[in-house]
């Protein structure tokens, strides 16, 4: 498990480098190129991430998912850290990539582009400032839709 966790840390560092390079080239890259690079990154690392998520099955893990922005500056994540020993944030950029790349069009293109880059910057902040307490992974990549929602619902009800 320790070696697997080290590999996840390496993957998160590589992901941070990718996101920072995208941010630097923001003006020259197309939205499709940005989302495709994110999707390819997670696809390339899917076996290790999947194995790691499988090892968390019996542990006290809480997932932050469904929201698109974790406001680090105002400490919005504190409630998320109260429960569980391991905290996993679902990477919404992967979900955006999966959604956009599978459709021909999407509504409010400018608003969507702004949201993608706001989430990208949020992910950079999470990886830089919270990497020791929050793991950023594309959880939805590894679960069938119905199974994911059952798991998310179960995690939600554990708060009460």
Foldseek 3Di string as FASTA:
>chain_A
DVVLVVVLLVLLVVVLVLLVVCVVCVVPDDPLRSLVVVLVSCVVVVVSVLVVVVVCPPFFEAEADDDLADPVVVPSCPVVQPGGQAYEYAQCSNVVSVVVVVDPDDPPVVVVSVSNNNSSVRSSCCSVPVVVHYRYHNVVVNDDPVRVVVVNVVSVVVVD
